């Protein structure tokens, strides 16, 4: 692993909107690659950031675009010579990032344009795009909840999966008790969900998808960066071992083994380049245990909450955007091909959920070889309070899995 620079970079300052583990991972990556401190913009970050020596916390009262823009302007006034590199690892914050870029021309951000996001990040449009480029996607139906017209019954065989077509417009509803993803076994359950969403004022679009079998270990993660000239310069991939199962976090990986997947990388890059994509992208892919097909579920217009798996596998992903957007340098493609075990949960918990013998053997070999990485556990950021924060987070993971997913299932639900 690369060690932090002895002389911190002075030509830019990373400003990260959000304060979860995904934000901490970005700050750690910047520190490892450039020795710099990142600024965290959020009302209240997790303890691992609040008590960190590699972050400076600038509190926000809200994530309203005007307030975020004003905060970034104040940071710029502190040192106008430094480029502000502004990014987020939160889907809900993408509109704020776009607003800041529109308002402040001196800000650089590794986020695609609004038009491109509309093409790739709406799940109904993403499925069409996949088919146009020869990528398989699950069979799906689109349900528009605006208005009061009756919604036709689902024609897909049950059980099915229901989820918002565009996550940012739905983010506020999860704090009101709605789930990130729904597992639906009967039409009556689907009808009830539509009634509840309309009653709550949601007027967006939902996607109903065929259920693809297989537990969490049938999921893959793919991470890419497309530079300002439309060249893919970063490739990373991982076989998921376990995902979060709390209702508001469902589907977020918490443990993975990094894997080289050059054919998939190339196909994803070709699709992104065809639509003029620029910046980081993170794909969710599921392998169908019945057919072996790789089904592309969605692409997120950000590097992803678990970006540190790319760093642990040998390539610091922040180099891609800094050298491109700040320094204007064209990098040769970087491929994260080292095999490592990435985990946010204790190993004893992870062992309970990995049932495949070959995967278990790979996992135990990596443990034996000392190739286990957790972005929260950073030797250069080890105050007593931070260590306590990390231990508390791990204990909380055990508690959550006991409550929401006590035993592994063949569908992940």
Protein backbone atom coordinates (compact mmCIF):
# COMPACT_ATOMS: atom_id res chain seq x y z
CA UNK A 1 0.00 0.00 0.00
CA UNK A 2 1.26 3.49 -0.77
CA UNK A 3 2.21 5.57 2.23
CA UNK A 4 1.09 9.19 2.66
CA UNK A 5 3.21 11.89 1.10
CA UNK A 6 5.65 13.55 3.48
CA UNK A 7 4.80 16.94 1.95
CA UNK A 8 1.02 17.48 1.67
CA UNK A 9 -0.30 18.60 -1.69
CA UNK A 10 -0.95 22.36 -1.76
CA UNK A 11 -2.52 22.84 -5.19
CA UNK A 12 -5.96 21.54 -4.21
CA UNK A 13 -8.24 20.88 -1.26
CA UNK A 14 -10.67 17.95 -1.18
CA UNK A 15 -14.15 18.98 -0.03
CA UNK A 16 -16.40 16.00 0.67
CA UNK A 17 -20.16 16.41 1.01
CA UNK A 18 -21.48 13.83 3.46
CA UNK A 19 -20.24 12.23 6.64
CA UNK A 20 -20.57 8.44 6.49
CA UNK A 21 -18.05 5.62 6.08
CA UNK A 22 -17.99 6.31 2.34
CA UNK A 23 -16.88 9.87 3.03
CA UNK A 24 -14.19 8.65 5.43
CA UNK A 25 -12.86 6.31 2.74
CA UNK A 26 -12.44 9.24 0.35
CA UNK A 27 -10.56 11.23 2.97
CA UNK A 28 -8.28 8.31 3.71
CA UNK A 29 -7.56 7.83 0.00
CA UNK A 30 -6.65 11.51 -0.41
CA UNK A 31 -4.41 11.31 2.65
CA UNK A 32 -2.65 8.16 1.45
CA UNK A 33 -2.04 9.54 -2.05
CA UNK A 34 -1.35 13.23 -1.33
CA UNK A 35 -0.87 13.62 2.42
CA UNK A 36 -3.64 16.21 2.59
CA UNK A 37 -6.48 16.90 5.00
CA UNK A 38 -10.01 16.77 3.59
CA UNK A 39 -12.89 19.05 4.53
CA UNK A 40 -16.11 17.28 5.49
CA UNK A 41 -19.30 19.26 4.82
CA UNK A 42 -22.25 17.84 6.74
CA UNK A 43 -24.34 18.63 9.80
CA UNK A 44 -23.04 15.75 11.92
CA UNK A 45 -20.55 13.17 10.60
CA UNK A 46 -19.89 9.75 12.05
CA UNK A 47 -17.47 9.63 14.97
CA UNK A 48 -14.73 8.19 12.76
CA UNK A 49 -14.69 11.55 10.91
CA UNK A 50 -15.53 13.84 13.83
CA UNK A 51 -12.56 12.51 15.82
CA UNK A 52 -10.23 12.16 12.84
CA UNK A 53 -6.90 13.91 12.31
CA UNK A 54 -7.20 13.72 8.50
CA UNK A 55 -10.49 15.64 8.34
CA UNK A 56 -11.65 19.13 9.15
CA UNK A 57 -15.38 19.25 9.82
CA UNK A 58 -17.32 22.26 8.54
CA UNK A 59 -20.89 21.92 9.84
CA UNK A 60 -23.95 22.63 7.71
CA UNK A 61 -27.42 23.29 9.04
CA UNK A 62 -28.95 21.61 6.00
CA UNK A 63 -28.14 20.24 2.55
CA UNK A 64 -30.09 22.96 0.78
CA UNK A 65 -28.11 23.92 -2.35
CA UNK A 66 -27.78 27.60 -1.36
CA UNK A 67 -26.22 26.68 1.97
CA UNK A 68 -23.82 24.18 0.40
CA UNK A 69 -22.77 26.73 -2.24
CA UNK A 70 -22.16 29.38 0.44
CA UNK A 71 -20.01 26.97 2.47
CA UNK A 72 -17.88 26.10 -0.57
CA UNK A 73 -17.47 29.82 -1.35
CA UNK A 74 -16.16 30.43 2.18
CA UNK A 75 -13.66 27.60 1.79
CA UNK A 76 -12.47 29.06 -1.51
CA UNK A 77 -11.98 32.49 0.08
CA UNK A 78 -9.59 30.95 2.65
CA UNK A 79 -7.08 30.11 -0.10
CA UNK A 80 -8.18 31.13 -3.62
CA UNK A 81 -5.01 29.68 -5.17
CA UNK A 82 -6.04 26.13 -4.34
CA UNK A 83 -8.42 24.22 -6.59
CA UNK A 84 -11.48 22.90 -4.80
CA UNK A 85 -12.08 19.26 -5.66
CA UNK A 86 -15.68 18.68 -4.63
CA UNK A 87 -17.20 15.22 -4.41
CA UNK A 88 -19.67 13.04 -2.57
CA UNK A 89 -20.28 9.38 -1.90
CA UNK A 90 -23.97 9.91 -1.19
CA UNK A 91 -26.62 9.47 -3.86
CA UNK A 92 -28.85 12.02 -2.13
CA UNK A 93 -26.11 14.68 -2.40
CA UNK A 94 -25.58 14.42 -6.16
CA UNK A 95 -28.04 17.30 -6.89
CA UNK A 96 -26.06 19.51 -4.48
CA UNK A 97 -22.80 18.67 -6.22
CA UNK A 98 -24.32 19.61 -9.57
CA UNK A 99 -25.67 22.87 -8.12
CA UNK A 100 -22.23 23.80 -6.76
CA UNK A 101 -20.57 23.08 -10.09
CA UNK A 102 -23.15 25.19 -11.94
CA UNK A 103 -22.73 28.12 -9.53
CA UNK A 104 -18.96 28.11 -8.91
CA UNK A 105 -16.78 27.78 -12.03
CA UNK A 106 -13.59 27.31 -9.98
CA UNK A 107 -14.86 24.04 -8.50
CA UNK A 108 -13.85 20.72 -10.05
CA UNK A 109 -15.90 17.58 -9.49
CA UNK A 110 -15.58 14.00 -10.82
CA UNK A 111 -19.33 13.82 -11.39
CA UNK A 112 -20.99 13.39 -14.80
CA UNK A 113 -23.21 16.06 -16.32
CA UNK A 114 -26.88 16.35 -15.43
CA UNK A 115 -27.91 15.11 -18.89
CA UNK A 116 -25.73 12.02 -18.62
CA UNK A 117 -26.97 11.26 -15.11
CA UNK A 118 -30.52 11.41 -16.44
CA UNK A 119 -29.57 8.81 -19.05
CA UNK A 120 -27.78 6.32 -16.83
CA UNK A 121 -29.01 6.74 -13.25
CA UNK A 122 -32.73 6.38 -13.83
CA UNK A 123 -33.09 2.62 -13.54
CA UNK A 124 -35.70 2.35 -16.29
CA UNK A 125 -33.48 4.21 -18.75
CA UNK A 126 -30.42 2.30 -17.56
CA UNK A 127 -32.02 -1.01 -18.51
CA UNK A 128 -32.73 0.30 -22.02
CA UNK A 129 -29.16 1.54 -22.32
CA UNK A 130 -27.80 -1.85 -21.26
CA UNK A 131 -29.83 -3.62 -23.92
CA UNK A 132 -28.63 -1.16 -26.56
CA UNK A 133 -25.03 -2.07 -25.69
CA UNK A 134 -25.46 -5.81 -25.39
CA UNK A 135 -25.57 -6.00 -21.59
CA UNK A 136 -28.22 -8.08 -19.87
CA UNK A 137 -30.61 -6.45 -17.40
CA UNK A 138 -33.45 -8.00 -15.37
CA UNK A 139 -36.96 -7.99 -16.83
CA UNK A 140 -38.76 -4.98 -15.38
CA UNK A 141 -41.84 -2.78 -15.40
CA UNK A 142 -42.04 0.97 -14.82
CA UNK A 143 -44.66 2.36 -12.44
CA UNK A 144 -45.36 6.11 -12.41
CA UNK A 145 -46.93 7.21 -9.14
CA UNK A 146 -47.81 10.78 -10.10
CA UNK A 147 -51.54 11.46 -10.28
CA UNK A 148 -54.42 9.27 -9.17
CA UNK A 149 -54.90 6.91 -12.12
CA UNK A 150 -55.20 3.25 -11.24
CA UNK A 151 -51.95 1.30 -11.52
CA UNK A 152 -52.16 -1.85 -13.61
CA UNK A 153 -51.34 -5.18 -11.96
CA UNK A 154 -47.80 -6.45 -12.32
CA UNK A 155 -47.30 -8.87 -15.21
CA UNK A 156 -44.02 -10.29 -13.92
CA UNK A 157 -44.15 -13.55 -11.95
CA UNK A 158 -43.98 -13.10 -8.19
CA UNK A 159 -41.93 -12.69 -6.08
CA UNK A 160 -40.53 -9.42 -7.47
CA UNK A 161 -38.33 -6.57 -6.31
CA UNK A 162 -39.59 -2.96 -6.22
CA UNK A 163 -37.34 0.09 -5.87
CA UNK A 164 -37.25 3.78 -6.83
CA UNK A 165 -36.15 4.51 -10.37
CA UNK A 166 -34.11 7.54 -9.31
CA UNK A 167 -32.71 7.41 -5.78
CA UNK A 168 -32.17 11.16 -5.11
CA UNK A 169 -35.88 11.98 -5.50
CA UNK A 170 -36.72 9.20 -3.01
CA UNK A 171 -33.99 9.77 -0.40
CA UNK A 172 -36.18 11.86 1.90
CA UNK A 173 -38.80 9.13 2.13
CA UNK A 174 -36.45 6.59 3.70
CA UNK A 175 -36.25 8.75 6.82
CA UNK A 176 -40.05 8.42 6.98
CA UNK A 177 -40.00 4.64 7.21
CA UNK A 178 -39.92 3.62 3.55
CA UNK A 179 -37.39 1.00 2.50
CA UNK A 180 -34.60 1.29 -0.04
CA UNK A 181 -35.73 -1.93 -1.77
CA UNK A 182 -38.90 -4.01 -1.38
CA UNK A 183 -39.23 -7.78 -1.69
CA UNK A 184 -42.82 -8.35 -2.82
CA UNK A 185 -44.50 -11.77 -2.85
CA UNK A 186 -48.08 -10.88 -3.86
CA UNK A 187 -49.98 -8.29 -5.89
CA UNK A 188 -51.81 -7.15 -2.76
CA UNK A 189 -48.48 -6.14 -1.18
CA UNK A 190 -47.56 -4.17 -4.28
CA UNK A 191 -50.94 -2.39 -4.30
CA UNK A 192 -50.47 -1.47 -0.65
CA UNK A 193 -47.01 -0.06 -1.38
CA UNK A 194 -48.38 2.14 -4.19
CA UNK A 195 -51.15 3.44 -1.88
CA UNK A 196 -48.68 4.22 0.90
CA UNK A 197 -46.26 6.02 -1.40
CA UNK A 198 -48.99 8.17 -2.91
CA UNK A 199 -50.42 8.95 0.51
CA UNK A 200 -46.96 10.11 1.60
CA UNK A 201 -46.77 12.45 -1.40
CA UNK A 202 -44.27 10.51 -3.52
CA UNK A 203 -44.91 11.30 -7.19
CA UNK A 204 -41.83 9.75 -8.75
CA UNK A 205 -41.27 6.49 -10.54
CA UNK A 206 -40.70 2.96 -9.25
CA UNK A 207 -39.22 -0.05 -11.02
CA UNK A 208 -40.58 -3.54 -10.49
CA UNK A 209 -37.97 -6.16 -11.40
CA UNK A 210 -37.86 -9.90 -11.68
CA UNK A 211 -36.22 -11.47 -8.65
CA UNK A 212 -32.78 -12.86 -9.47
CA UNK A 213 -31.96 -15.69 -7.09
CA UNK A 214 -28.74 -16.19 -5.22
CA UNK A 215 -27.49 -14.82 -1.92
CA UNK A 216 -25.23 -11.78 -1.49
CA UNK A 217 -22.21 -13.68 -2.86
CA UNK A 218 -23.75 -13.57 -6.36
CA UNK A 219 -23.31 -9.77 -6.45
CA UNK A 220 -20.37 -7.99 -8.07
CA UNK A 221 -19.17 -4.39 -7.84
CA UNK A 222 -17.45 -2.60 -10.74
CA UNK A 223 -15.74 0.80 -10.36
CA UNK A 224 -14.46 2.98 -13.22
CA UNK A 225 -13.22 6.49 -13.91
CA UNK A 226 -13.65 8.17 -17.30
CA UNK A 227 -11.36 11.18 -17.66
CA UNK A 228 -12.07 14.59 -19.19
CA UNK A 229 -11.03 13.34 -22.62
CA UNK A 230 -13.39 10.37 -22.50
CA UNK A 231 -10.69 7.80 -21.70
CA UNK A 232 -11.24 5.12 -19.05
CA UNK A 233 -8.30 5.39 -16.65
CA UNK A 234 -9.42 3.41 -13.59
CA UNK A 235 -10.78 -0.12 -13.33
CA UNK A 236 -11.70 -2.00 -10.16
CA UNK A 237 -13.94 -4.92 -9.34
CA UNK A 238 -14.98 -7.16 -6.48
CA UNK A 239 -17.05 -10.22 -5.67
CA UNK A 240 -19.43 -9.25 -2.87
CA UNK A 241 -19.51 -11.55 0.15
CA UNK A 242 -22.10 -9.77 2.27
CA UNK A 243 -24.42 -6.77 1.96
CA UNK A 244 -26.09 -4.57 4.54
CA UNK A 245 -29.65 -5.65 5.33
CA UNK A 246 -30.94 -2.71 7.36
CA UNK A 247 -33.99 -1.28 5.50
CA UNK A 248 -32.37 2.06 4.61
CA UNK A 249 -29.02 0.49 3.66
CA UNK A 250 -30.17 -2.66 1.88
CA UNK A 251 -27.83 -3.72 -0.89
CA UNK A 252 -24.75 -1.78 0.25
CA UNK A 253 -21.81 -4.23 0.32
CA UNK A 254 -20.04 -4.63 3.65
CA UNK A 255 -17.53 -7.32 2.62
CA UNK A 256 -15.89 -8.18 -0.72
CA UNK A 257 -12.99 -10.00 -2.34
CA UNK A 258 -11.40 -7.97 -5.11
CA UNK A 259 -11.39 -9.64 -8.51
CA UNK A 260 -9.94 -8.80 -11.91
CA UNK A 261 -12.72 -8.78 -14.51
CA UNK A 262 -11.25 -7.26 -17.71
CA UNK A 263 -14.09 -8.25 -20.04
CA UNK A 264 -16.74 -6.71 -17.79
CA UNK A 265 -14.59 -3.61 -17.26
CA UNK A 266 -14.30 -3.12 -21.00
CA UNK A 267 -18.01 -3.54 -21.68
CA UNK A 268 -18.95 -1.10 -18.92
CA UNK A 269 -16.42 1.45 -20.15
CA UNK A 270 -17.69 1.22 -23.72
CA UNK A 271 -21.25 1.91 -22.61
CA UNK A 272 -20.23 4.90 -20.48
CA UNK A 273 -18.04 6.39 -23.18
CA UNK A 274 -20.85 6.04 -25.73
CA UNK A 275 -23.08 8.42 -23.72
CA UNK A 276 -20.35 10.98 -22.98
CA UNK A 277 -19.85 9.94 -19.35
CA UNK A 278 -17.13 11.69 -17.34
CA UNK A 279 -16.08 10.93 -13.77
CA UNK A 280 -16.50 8.01 -11.39
CA UNK A 281 -19.06 5.25 -11.91
CA UNK A 282 -19.99 2.25 -9.78
CA UNK A 283 -22.00 -0.64 -11.23
CA UNK A 284 -24.07 -3.21 -9.34
CA UNK A 285 -24.10 -6.56 -11.14
CA UNK A 286 -25.72 -9.86 -10.19
CA UNK A 287 -24.85 -13.30 -11.53
CA UNK A 288 -27.91 -15.48 -12.12
CA UNK A 289 -27.21 -18.83 -10.40
CA UNK A 290 -29.58 -20.60 -12.81
CA UNK A 291 -28.12 -19.36 -16.10
CA UNK A 292 -24.75 -17.83 -15.23
CA UNK A 293 -25.77 -14.57 -16.95
CA UNK A 294 -24.40 -11.32 -15.58
CA UNK A 295 -27.31 -8.94 -15.05
CA UNK A 296 -26.57 -5.23 -14.71
CA UNK A 297 -28.84 -3.69 -12.07
CA UNK A 298 -27.73 -0.05 -11.95
CA UNK A 299 -24.86 2.40 -12.19
CA UNK A 300 -24.25 5.05 -9.53
CA UNK A 301 -22.80 8.42 -10.68
CA UNK A 302 -20.16 8.38 -7.94
CA UNK A 303 -17.28 6.18 -6.89
CA UNK A 304 -19.35 4.23 -4.38
CA UNK A 305 -19.45 3.85 -0.63
CA UNK A 306 -16.87 1.05 -0.69
CA UNK A 307 -14.30 2.78 -2.89
CA UNK A 308 -11.48 1.73 -0.59
CA UNK A 309 -11.54 -1.79 -2.01
CA UNK A 310 -9.94 -0.31 -5.15
CA UNK A 311 -7.21 1.33 -3.08
CA UNK A 312 -6.56 -1.84 -1.10
CA UNK A 313 -6.26 -3.77 -4.37
CA UNK A 314 -3.34 -1.62 -5.45
CA UNK A 315 -4.64 1.56 -7.13
CA UNK A 316 -5.52 4.70 -5.20
CA UNK A 317 -8.67 5.88 -7.04
CA UNK A 318 -8.24 9.53 -6.05
CA UNK A 319 -5.21 9.77 -8.32
CA UNK A 320 -7.57 9.45 -11.29
CA UNK A 321 -9.52 12.63 -10.54
CA UNK A 322 -6.69 14.71 -9.07
CA UNK A 323 -4.33 14.17 -12.00
CA UNK A 324 -7.17 14.69 -14.49
CA UNK A 325 -9.17 17.59 -13.02
CA UNK A 326 -6.55 19.46 -10.98
CA UNK A 327 -3.30 18.84 -12.84
CA UNK A 328 -4.54 18.15 -16.36
CA UNK A 329 -2.44 15.03 -16.77
CA UNK A 330 -3.46 12.07 -18.91
CA UNK A 331 -2.88 8.85 -16.98
CA UNK A 332 -2.35 5.41 -18.40
CA UNK A 333 -5.17 3.03 -17.43
CA UNK A 334 -4.84 1.80 -13.84
CA UNK A 335 -6.23 -1.64 -12.98
CA UNK A 336 -6.74 -2.72 -9.37
CA UNK A 337 -5.82 -6.39 -9.72
CA UNK A 338 -4.41 -7.42 -6.33
CA UNK A 339 -6.64 -9.89 -4.49
CA UNK A 340 -7.61 -8.69 -1.01
CA UNK A 341 -10.45 -9.11 1.49
CA UNK A 342 -12.30 -5.86 2.18
CA UNK A 343 -14.63 -5.86 5.16
CA UNK A 344 -16.57 -3.43 7.32
CA UNK A 345 -17.78 -6.20 9.63
CA UNK A 346 -15.94 -8.47 12.07
CA UNK A 347 -14.59 -11.68 10.54
CA UNK A 348 -16.58 -13.85 12.93
CA UNK A 349 -19.79 -12.27 11.61
CA UNK A 350 -18.69 -12.59 7.98
CA UNK A 351 -17.90 -16.30 8.37
CA UNK A 352 -21.50 -16.94 9.40
CA UNK A 353 -22.84 -15.75 6.04
CA UNK A 354 -20.36 -17.10 3.46
CA UNK A 355 -21.64 -20.58 2.61
CA UNK A 356 -19.82 -21.32 -0.64
CA UNK A 357 -16.81 -23.56 0.07
CA UNK A 358 -14.58 -22.01 -2.59
CA UNK A 359 -15.33 -18.48 -1.44
CA UNK A 360 -14.73 -19.46 2.18
CA UNK A 361 -11.37 -20.95 1.20
CA UNK A 362 -10.38 -17.75 -0.64
CA UNK A 363 -11.48 -15.66 2.32
CA UNK A 364 -9.54 -17.73 4.86
CA UNK A 365 -6.42 -17.73 2.67
CA UNK A 366 -6.51 -13.92 2.50
CA UNK A 367 -6.98 -13.72 6.27
CA UNK A 368 -4.00 -16.05 6.75
CA UNK A 369 -1.91 -13.91 4.37
CA UNK A 370 -2.81 -10.73 6.24
CA UNK A 371 -4.59 -9.21 3.23
CA UNK A 372 -7.61 -7.91 5.14
CA UNK A 373 -8.54 -4.23 4.84
CA UNK A 374 -11.08 -2.03 6.62
CA UNK A 375 -11.04 1.66 5.57
CA UNK A 376 -11.88 2.73 9.12
CA UNK A 377 -8.72 1.11 10.53
CA UNK A 378 -6.00 3.53 9.45
CA UNK A 379 -2.64 3.49 11.24
CA UNK A 380 -2.12 7.20 10.49
CA UNK A 381 -5.42 8.13 12.17
CA UNK A 382 -5.56 6.24 15.46
CA UNK A 383 -6.73 8.46 18.29
CA UNK A 384 -8.29 6.65 21.23
CA UNK A 385 -11.69 8.15 20.43
CA UNK A 386 -11.47 7.01 16.80
CA UNK A 387 -10.57 3.47 17.83
CA UNK A 388 -13.58 3.48 20.15
CA UNK A 389 -15.78 4.78 17.31
CA UNK A 390 -14.65 1.94 15.03
CA UNK A 391 -15.25 -0.71 17.68
CA UNK A 392 -18.71 0.71 18.34
CA UNK A 393 -19.50 0.66 14.62
CA UNK A 394 -18.48 -2.99 14.36
CA UNK A 395 -20.59 -3.91 17.37
CA UNK A 396 -23.51 -2.11 15.74
CA UNK A 397 -23.05 -4.22 12.60
CA UNK A 398 -23.42 -7.39 14.66
CA UNK A 399 -26.57 -6.01 16.25
CA UNK A 400 -28.08 -5.00 12.88
CA UNK A 401 -27.47 -8.37 11.25
CA UNK A 402 -28.98 -10.17 14.22
CA UNK A 403 -32.10 -8.04 13.83
CA UNK A 404 -32.54 -7.80 10.05
CA UNK A 405 -30.78 -10.84 8.56
CA UNK A 406 -29.99 -13.44 11.21
CA UNK A 407 -29.42 -16.26 8.70
CA UNK A 408 -28.35 -16.25 5.03
CA UNK A 409 -31.06 -16.99 2.45
CA UNK A 410 -31.03 -18.08 -1.18
CA UNK A 411 -32.51 -14.74 -2.34
CA UNK A 412 -30.75 -12.27 0.02
CA UNK A 413 -34.19 -11.31 1.41
